[in-house]
Amino acid sequence: MIMEETKLEQDLVSFWDREYGQNPSYRIEKSDYDPNDAFLSYAKKIGDSSEKILDIGTGDGLLLLASKCFGSKVKEGLGIDPSKTAIGNCRESAKMSGLEGLTFEVGDNRFLSSLPAASFDAVMISNVLDVVPPKVSLSLIQEIQRLVKKGGLVLVKVNFFLDGKMIARTKTAFIGENCYTIDGILRSYNLKDEEWIEKMKPLKLAEKAFYARLGENGPKDRIFLFKA
């Protein structure tokens, strides 16, 4: 089956604009930190070790906001997302939280090419690489490798792997190249752990963890921490 990648991208932006339109801005405080939450713990780890951070596909901004709020070292952070609604919410959330030094801009993988090479101590990308067409995912990975400083950190989170049972349960439709849609929206570029690790080379895997985004009894998202 041939994927119409341009339409998939356009539909994705429209979908997430609608989704983020239903999510209000919020205030984050240091007291919100939960050491048992893997997602927040990795955000803090990045924030404790990196002065300048890039968050690709920032969404509701939580990863970048948490890195700044809970971490001790962040001076500057840039969050980008193709959804205008998401970016508007992120800017308001940062203002409500009193977090300075964070900038949020509307942009996609093409926006990244305008940024100087090796200009970030850390790059974060959560639930993005596996919900865009393969060519876009590869472009993002190449930009991540270009933008992170040598010795810097790269935090990647992807959704849970869809096995046969999960495909049947979620009623996803296969459209080619390990890609699955729900109601015509691309929801999974479905790769195993070792395949993601291979795609990120020459970045070296430092840590791997799981995140129970859907509750302890649900399938777990995968977190990878790489070092440049």
C-alpha atoms as a PDB file:
ATOM      1  CA  MET A   1       0.000   0.000   0.000  1.00  0.00           C
ATOM      2  CA  ILE A   2       1.367   3.440  -0.932  1.00  0.00           C
ATOM      3  CA  MET A   3       1.243   6.088   1.764  1.00  0.00           C
ATOM      4  CA  GLU A   4       0.257   9.637   0.826  1.00  0.00           C
ATOM      5  CA  GLU A   5       2.802  11.188   3.185  1.00  0.00           C
ATOM      6  CA  THR A   6       1.883  14.817   2.576  1.00  0.00           C
ATOM      7  CA  LYS A   7      -1.759  14.142   3.404  1.00  0.00           C
ATOM      8  CA  LEU A   8      -0.751  12.076   6.445  1.00  0.00           C
ATOM      9  CA  GLU A   9       1.287  15.018   7.755  1.00  0.00           C
ATOM     10  CA  GLN A  10      -1.529  17.504   7.113  1.00  0.00           C
ATOM     11  CA  ASP A  11      -4.075  15.255   8.805  1.00  0.00           C
ATOM     12  CA  LEU A  12      -1.746  14.803  11.782  1.00  0.00           C
ATOM     13  CA  VAL A  13      -1.419  18.558  12.334  1.00  0.00           C
ATOM     14  CA  SER A  14      -5.193  19.008  12.115  1.00  0.00           C
ATOM     15  CA  PHE A  15      -5.752  16.091  14.507  1.00  0.00           C
ATOM     16  CA  TRP A  16      -3.357  17.415  17.140  1.00  0.00           C
ATOM     17  CA  ASP A  17      -4.675  20.956  16.794  1.00  0.00           C
ATOM     18  CA  ARG A  18      -8.092  19.596  17.751  1.00  0.00           C
ATOM     19  CA  GLU A  19      -6.660  17.494  20.582  1.00  0.00           C
ATOM     20  CA  TYR A  20      -4.666  20.334  22.129  1.00  0.00           C
ATOM     21  CA  GLY A  21      -7.655  22.616  21.739  1.00  0.00           C
ATOM     22  CA  GLN A  22      -9.334  20.468  24.390  1.00  0.00           C
ATOM     23  CA  ASN A  23      -6.368  20.686  26.784  1.00  0.00           C
ATOM     24  CA  PRO A  24      -6.053  23.906  28.784  1.00  0.00           C
ATOM     25  CA  SER A  25      -2.797  25.521  29.839  1.00  0.00           C
ATOM     26  CA  TYR A  26      -1.570  24.647  33.310  1.00  0.00           C
ATOM     27  CA  ARG A  27       0.768  25.672  36.098  1.00  0.00           C
ATOM     28  CA  ILE A  28       3.677  23.424  37.075  1.00  0.00           C
ATOM     29  CA  GLU A  29       5.480  23.729  40.433  1.00  0.00           C
ATOM     30  CA  LYS A  30       8.460  22.016  42.038  1.00  0.00           C
ATOM     31  CA  SER A  31       6.072  20.236  44.410  1.00  0.00           C
ATOM     32  CA  ASP A  32       4.604  18.399  41.397  1.00  0.00           C
ATOM     33  CA  TYR A  33       7.753  16.307  41.023  1.00  0.00           C
ATOM     34  CA  ASP A  34       7.232  12.578  41.601  1.00  0.00           C
ATOM     35  CA  PRO A  35      10.450  10.510  41.700  1.00  0.00           C
ATOM     36  CA  ASN A  36       8.403   7.396  40.917  1.00  0.00           C
ATOM     37  CA  ASP A  37       7.252   8.885  37.612  1.00  0.00           C
ATOM     38  CA  ALA A  38       9.782   7.815  34.956  1.00  0.00           C
ATOM     39  CA  PHE A  39       8.752  10.590  32.572  1.00  0.00           C
ATOM     40  CA  LEU A  40       9.271  13.348  35.129  1.00  0.00           C
ATOM     41  CA  SER A  41      12.446  11.706  36.446  1.00  0.00           C
ATOM     42  CA  TYR A  42      14.068  11.799  33.017  1.00  0.00           C
ATOM     43  CA  ALA A  43      12.938  15.388  32.537  1.00  0.00           C
ATOM     44  CA  LYS A  44      14.700  16.248  35.807  1.00  0.00           C
ATOM     45  CA  LYS A  45      17.802  14.316  34.762  1.00  0.00           C
ATOM     46  CA  ILE A  46      18.001  16.376  31.571  1.00  0.00           C
ATOM     47  CA  GLY A  47      17.344  19.564  33.521  1.00  0.00           C
ATOM     48  CA  ASP A  48      20.080  18.776  36.039  1.00  0.00           C
ATOM     49  CA  SER A  49      22.717  18.249  33.348  1.00  0.00           C
ATOM     50  CA  SER A  50      21.906  20.599  30.460  1.00  0.00           C
ATOM     51  CA  GLU A  51      21.926  24.376  30.110  1.00  0.00           C
ATOM     52  CA  LYS A  52      20.339  24.581  26.664  1.00  0.00           C
ATOM     53  CA  ILE A  53      17.569  22.170  25.608  1.00  0.00           C
ATOM     54  CA  LEU A  54      15.576  21.531  22.445  1.00  0.00           C
ATOM     55  CA  ASP A  55      12.195  19.816  22.720  1.00  0.00           C
ATOM     56  CA  ILE A  56      10.934  18.575  19.337  1.00  0.00           C
ATOM     57  CA  GLY A  57       7.173  18.081  19.036  1.00  0.00           C
ATOM     58  CA  THR A  58       6.716  19.650  22.442  1.00  0.00           C
ATOM     59  CA  GLY A  59       2.934  19.062  22.537  1.00  0.00           C
ATOM     60  CA  ASP A  60       1.614  20.273  25.874  1.00  0.00           C
ATOM     61  CA  GLY A  61       5.172  21.322  26.809  1.00  0.00           C
ATOM     62  CA  LEU A  62       5.374  19.131  29.900  1.00  0.00           C
ATOM     63  CA  LEU A  63       8.795  17.645  29.135  1.00  0.00           C
ATOM     64  CA  LEU A  64      10.452  21.028  28.636  1.00  0.00           C
ATOM     65  CA  LEU A  65       8.547  22.749  31.425  1.00  0.00           C
ATOM     66  CA  ALA A  66       9.413  19.921  33.826  1.00  0.00           C
ATOM     67  CA  SER A  67      13.092  19.995  32.843  1.00  0.00           C
ATOM     68  CA  LYS A  68      13.223  23.691  33.664  1.00  0.00           C
ATOM     69  CA  CYS A  69      11.051  23.498  36.795  1.00  0.00           C
ATOM     70  CA  PHE A  70      12.581  20.398  38.378  1.00  0.00           C
ATOM     71  CA  GLY A  71      16.120  20.643  37.016  1.00  0.00           C
ATOM     72  CA  SER A  72      18.892  22.837  38.381  1.00  0.00           C
ATOM     73  CA  LYS A  73      20.858  23.800  35.288  1.00  0.00           C
ATOM     74  CA  VAL A  74      18.538  24.878  32.453  1.00  0.00           C
ATOM     75  CA  LYS A  75      19.117  28.433  31.252  1.00  0.00           C
ATOM     76  CA  GLU A  76      17.480  28.238  27.851  1.00  0.00           C
ATOM     77  CA  GLY A  77      14.940  25.938  26.228  1.00  0.00           C
ATOM     78  CA  LEU A  78      13.261  25.835  22.830  1.00  0.00           C
ATOM     79  CA  GLY A  79      10.092  23.852  22.207  1.00  0.00           C
ATOM     80  CA  ILE A  80       8.754  23.430  18.675  1.00  0.00           C
ATOM     81  CA  ASP A  81       5.545  21.886  17.406  1.00  0.00           C
ATOM     82  CA  PRO A  82       3.584  22.189  14.135  1.00  0.00           C
ATOM     83  CA  SER A  83       0.367  22.724  16.111  1.00  0.00           C
ATOM     84  CA  LYS A  84      -0.372  26.430  16.655  1.00  0.00           C
ATOM     85  CA  THR A  85      -2.820  25.491  19.387  1.00  0.00           C
ATOM     86  CA  ALA A  86      -0.176  23.481  21.258  1.00  0.00           C
ATOM     87  CA  ILE A  87       2.357  26.306  21.069  1.00  0.00           C
ATOM     88  CA  GLY A  88      -0.171  28.839  22.328  1.00  0.00           C
ATOM     89  CA  ASN A  89      -0.950  26.604  25.286  1.00  0.00           C
ATOM     90  CA  CYS A  90       2.752  26.051  26.030  1.00  0.00           C
ATOM     91  CA  ARG A  91       3.499  29.765  26.091  1.00  0.00           C
ATOM     92  CA  GLU A  92       0.629  30.351  28.501  1.00  0.00           C
ATOM     93  CA  SER A  93       1.698  27.409  30.708  1.00  0.00           C
ATOM     94  CA  ALA A  94       5.248  28.773  30.960  1.00  0.00           C
ATOM     95  CA  LYS A  95       3.863  32.187  31.897  1.00  0.00           C
ATOM     96  CA  MET A  96       1.489  30.702  34.479  1.00  0.00           C
ATOM     97  CA  SER A  97       4.384  28.698  35.954  1.00  0.00           C
ATOM     98  CA  GLY A  98       6.746  31.674  36.125  1.00  0.00           C
ATOM     99  CA  LEU A  99       9.400  29.841  34.102  1.00  0.00           C
ATOM    100  CA  GLU A 100      11.825  32.116  32.255  1.00  0.00           C
ATOM    101  CA  GLY A 101      14.216  31.312  29.428  1.00  0.00           C
ATOM    102  CA  LEU A 102      11.798  29.063  27.552  1.00  0.00           C
ATOM    103  CA  THR A 103      10.696  29.800  23.988  1.00  0.00           C
ATOM    104  CA  PHE A 104       7.984  27.992  22.056  1.00  0.00           C
ATOM    105  CA  GLU A 105       7.750  28.220  18.271  1.00  0.00           C
ATOM    106  CA  VAL A 106       5.502  26.749  15.583  1.00  0.00           C
ATOM    107  CA  GLY A 107       7.661  24.499  13.418  1.00  0.00           C
ATOM    108  CA  ASP A 108       8.272  21.005  12.078  1.00  0.00           C
ATOM    109  CA  ASN A 109      11.246  18.957  10.862  1.00  0.00           C
ATOM    110  CA  ARG A 110      11.979  21.599   8.213  1.00  0.00           C
ATOM    111  CA  PHE A 111      12.256  24.296  10.905  1.00  0.00           C
ATOM    112  CA  LEU A 112      15.134  22.412  12.511  1.00  0.00           C
ATOM    113  CA  SER A 113      17.396  22.932   9.499  1.00  0.00           C
ATOM    114  CA  SER A 114      17.537  26.658  10.338  1.00  0.00           C
ATOM    115  CA  LEU A 115      19.184  25.971  13.706  1.00  0.00           C
ATOM    116  CA  PRO A 116      23.001  25.920  14.069  1.00  0.00           C
ATOM    117  CA  ALA A 117      24.723  22.544  14.366  1.00  0.00           C
ATOM    118  CA  ALA A 118      25.807  21.322  17.813  1.00  0.00           C
ATOM    119  CA  SER A 119      23.846  24.127  19.489  1.00  0.00           C
ATOM    120  CA  PHE A 120      22.047  22.166  22.232  1.00  0.00           C
ATOM    121  CA  ASP A 121      23.282  20.328  25.317  1.00  0.00           C
ATOM    122  CA  ALA A 122      20.245  18.059  25.140  1.00  0.00           C
ATOM    123  CA  VAL A 123      17.504  17.217  22.694  1.00  0.00           C
ATOM    124  CA  MET A 124      14.187  15.669  23.757  1.00  0.00           C
ATOM    125  CA  ILE A 125      11.530  14.108  21.561  1.00  0.00           C
ATOM    126  CA  SER A 126       8.536  12.367  23.088  1.00  0.00           C
ATOM    127  CA  ASN A 127       5.966  10.343  21.134  1.00  0.00           C
ATOM    128  CA  VAL A 128       6.911  11.955  17.845  1.00  0.00           C
ATOM    129  CA  LEU A 129       9.363   9.721  15.967  1.00  0.00           C
ATOM    130  CA  ASP A 130       6.821   6.894  15.969  1.00  0.00           C
ATOM    131  CA  VAL A 131       3.741   8.886  14.934  1.00  0.00           C
ATOM    132  CA  VAL A 132       5.067  10.510  11.754  1.00  0.00           C
ATOM    133  CA  PRO A 133       5.794   8.973   8.327  1.00  0.00           C
ATOM    134  CA  PRO A 134       9.116   7.064   8.130  1.00  0.00           C
ATOM    135  CA  LYS A 135      10.800   9.698   5.932  1.00  0.00           C
ATOM    136  CA  VAL A 136       9.902  12.428   8.406  1.00  0.00           C
ATOM    137  CA  SER A 137      11.083  10.271  11.310  1.00  0.00           C
ATOM    138  CA  LEU A 138      14.440   9.744   9.592  1.00  0.00           C
ATOM    139  CA  SER A 139      14.745  13.473   8.885  1.00  0.00           C
ATOM    140  CA  LEU A 140      14.099  14.243  12.551  1.00  0.00           C
ATOM    141  CA  ILE A 141      16.710  11.724  13.686  1.00  0.00           C
ATOM    142  CA  GLN A 142      19.299  13.238  11.355  1.00  0.00           C
ATOM    143  CA  GLU A 143      18.554  16.713  12.692  1.00  0.00           C
ATOM    144  CA  ILE A 144      18.779  15.480  16.287  1.00  0.00           C
ATOM    145  CA  GLN A 145      22.215  14.027  15.585  1.00  0.00           C
ATOM    146  CA  ARG A 146      23.289  17.309  13.957  1.00  0.00           C
ATOM    147  CA  LEU A 147      21.940  19.618  16.656  1.00  0.00           C
ATOM    148  CA  VAL A 148      23.136  17.922  19.849  1.00  0.00           C
ATOM    149  CA  LYS A 149      26.603  18.775  21.127  1.00  0.00           C
ATOM    150  CA  LYS A 150      29.189  16.016  21.449  1.00  0.00           C
ATOM    151  CA  GLY A 151      28.752  14.499  24.886  1.00  0.00           C
ATOM    152  CA  GLY A 152      25.196  15.818  25.069  1.00  0.00           C
ATOM    153  CA  LEU A 153      22.064  13.835  25.863  1.00  0.00           C
ATOM    154  CA  VAL A 154      19.160  12.795  23.674  1.00  0.00           C
ATOM    155  CA  LEU A 155      15.928  11.650  25.320  1.00  0.00           C
ATOM    156  CA  VAL A 156      13.556   9.655  23.133  1.00  0.00           C
ATOM    157  CA  LYS A 157      10.142   8.331  24.151  1.00  0.00           C
ATOM    158  CA  VAL A 158       8.027   6.202  21.831  1.00  0.00           C
ATOM    159  CA  ASN A 159       4.712   4.451  22.268  1.00  0.00           C
ATOM    160  CA  PHE A 160       4.372   0.798  23.195  1.00  0.00           C
ATOM    161  CA  PHE A 161       5.079  -1.775  20.484  1.00  0.00           C
ATOM    162  CA  LEU A 162       1.992  -3.043  18.669  1.00  0.00           C
ATOM    163  CA  ASP A 163       1.987  -6.838  18.633  1.00  0.00           C
ATOM    164  CA  GLY A 164      -0.740  -8.860  16.907  1.00  0.00           C
ATOM    165  CA  LYS A 165      -3.075  -8.739  19.887  1.00  0.00           C
ATOM    166  CA  MET A 166      -2.639  -4.993  20.352  1.00  0.00           C
ATOM    167  CA  ILE A 167      -3.247  -4.350  16.652  1.00  0.00           C
ATOM    168  CA  ALA A 168      -6.537  -6.238  16.873  1.00  0.00           C
ATOM    169  CA  ARG A 169      -7.467  -4.531  20.141  1.00  0.00           C
ATOM    170  CA  THR A 170      -6.796  -0.993  18.882  1.00  0.00           C
ATOM    171  CA  LYS A 171      -8.329  -1.693  15.455  1.00  0.00           C
ATOM    172  CA  THR A 172      -5.411  -0.133  13.621  1.00  0.00           C
ATOM    173  CA  ALA A 173      -5.117  -0.289   9.837  1.00  0.00           C
ATOM    174  CA  PHE A 174      -1.808  -1.232   8.204  1.00  0.00           C
ATOM    175  CA  ILE A 175      -0.770   1.220   5.455  1.00  0.00           C
ATOM    176  CA  GLY A 176       2.781   0.032   4.735  1.00  0.00           C
ATOM    177  CA  GLU A 177       6.334   0.437   6.095  1.00  0.00           C
ATOM    178  CA  ASN A 178       5.364  -0.666   9.621  1.00  0.00           C
ATOM    179  CA  CYS A 179       2.814   2.160   9.776  1.00  0.00           C
ATOM    180  CA  TYR A 180      -0.690   1.922  11.219  1.00  0.00           C
ATOM    181  CA  THR A 181      -3.579   4.380  11.265  1.00  0.00           C
ATOM    182  CA  ILE A 182      -6.726   4.781  13.352  1.00  0.00           C
ATOM    183  CA  ASP A 183      -9.593   6.514  11.565  1.00  0.00           C
ATOM    184  CA  GLY A 184      -7.165   7.597   8.855  1.00  0.00           C
ATOM    185  CA  ILE A 185      -4.704   9.253  11.286  1.00  0.00           C
ATOM    186  CA  LEU A 186      -1.177   7.857  11.530  1.00  0.00           C
ATOM    187  CA  ARG A 187      -0.816   6.600  15.102  1.00  0.00           C
ATOM    188  CA  SER A 188       2.135   4.225  14.961  1.00  0.00           C
ATOM    189  CA  TYR A 189       5.387   3.823  13.057  1.00  0.00           C
ATOM    190  CA  ASN A 190       5.741   0.475  14.763  1.00  0.00           C
ATOM    191  CA  LEU A 191       9.353  -0.542  15.488  1.00  0.00           C
ATOM    192  CA  LYS A 192      10.888  -2.766  18.150  1.00  0.00           C
ATOM    193  CA  ASP A 193      13.354  -1.461  20.749  1.00  0.00           C
ATOM    194  CA  GLU A 194      16.425  -2.706  18.908  1.00  0.00           C
ATOM    195  CA  GLU A 195      15.231  -1.094  15.681  1.00  0.00           C
ATOM    196  CA  TRP A 196      14.924   2.332  17.332  1.00  0.00           C
ATOM    197  CA  ILE A 197      18.334   1.936  18.956  1.00  0.00           C
ATOM    198  CA  GLU A 198      19.850   1.049  15.581  1.00  0.00           C
ATOM    199  CA  LYS A 199      18.230   4.061  13.888  1.00  0.00           C
ATOM    200  CA  MET A 200      19.697   6.445  16.476  1.00  0.00           C
ATOM    201  CA  LYS A 201      23.311   5.409  15.809  1.00  0.00           C
ATOM    202  CA  PRO A 202      25.966   6.745  16.129  1.00  0.00           C
ATOM    203  CA  LEU A 203      24.300   8.015  19.309  1.00  0.00           C
ATOM    204  CA  LYS A 204      25.027   5.517  22.070  1.00  0.00           C
ATOM    205  CA  LEU A 205      22.311   4.081  24.291  1.00  0.00           C
ATOM    206  CA  ALA A 206      22.956   5.025  27.930  1.00  0.00           C
ATOM    207  CA  GLU A 207      19.699   3.958  29.584  1.00  0.00           C
ATOM    208  CA  LYS A 208      16.354   2.362  28.764  1.00  0.00           C
ATOM    209  CA  ALA A 209      13.178   2.495  30.822  1.00  0.00           C
ATOM    210  CA  PHE A 210       9.428   2.053  30.573  1.00  0.00           C
ATOM    211  CA  TYR A 211       6.642   4.510  31.304  1.00  0.00           C
ATOM    212  CA  ALA A 212       3.164   3.420  32.379  1.00  0.00           C
ATOM    213  CA  ARG A 213       1.334   6.256  30.603  1.00  0.00           C
ATOM    214  CA  LEU A 214      -1.917   4.246  30.491  1.00  0.00           C
ATOM    215  CA  GLY A 215      -1.671   2.864  34.029  1.00  0.00           C
ATOM    216  CA  GLU A 216       0.272  -0.020  35.531  1.00  0.00           C
ATOM    217  CA  ASN A 217      -1.947  -2.635  33.882  1.00  0.00           C
ATOM    218  CA  GLY A 218      -1.698  -1.112  30.412  1.00  0.00           C
ATOM    219  CA  PRO A 219       1.032  -1.361  27.760  1.00  0.00           C
ATOM    220  CA  LYS A 220       4.098   0.730  28.581  1.00  0.00           C
ATOM    221  CA  ASP A 221       5.763   3.428  26.520  1.00  0.00           C
ATOM    222  CA  ARG A 222       9.506   3.080  25.968  1.00  0.00           C
ATOM    223  CA  ILE A 223      12.113   5.631  27.067  1.00  0.00           C
ATOM    224  CA  PHE A 224      15.642   5.702  25.627  1.00  0.00           C
ATOM    225  CA  LEU A 225      18.441   7.983  26.837  1.00  0.00           C
ATOM    226  CA  PHE A 226      21.290   8.356  24.340  1.00  0.00           C
ATOM    227  CA  LYS A 227      24.643  10.085  24.585  1.00  0.00           C
ATOM    228  CA  ALA A 228      26.258  11.862  21.652  1.00  0.00           C
END
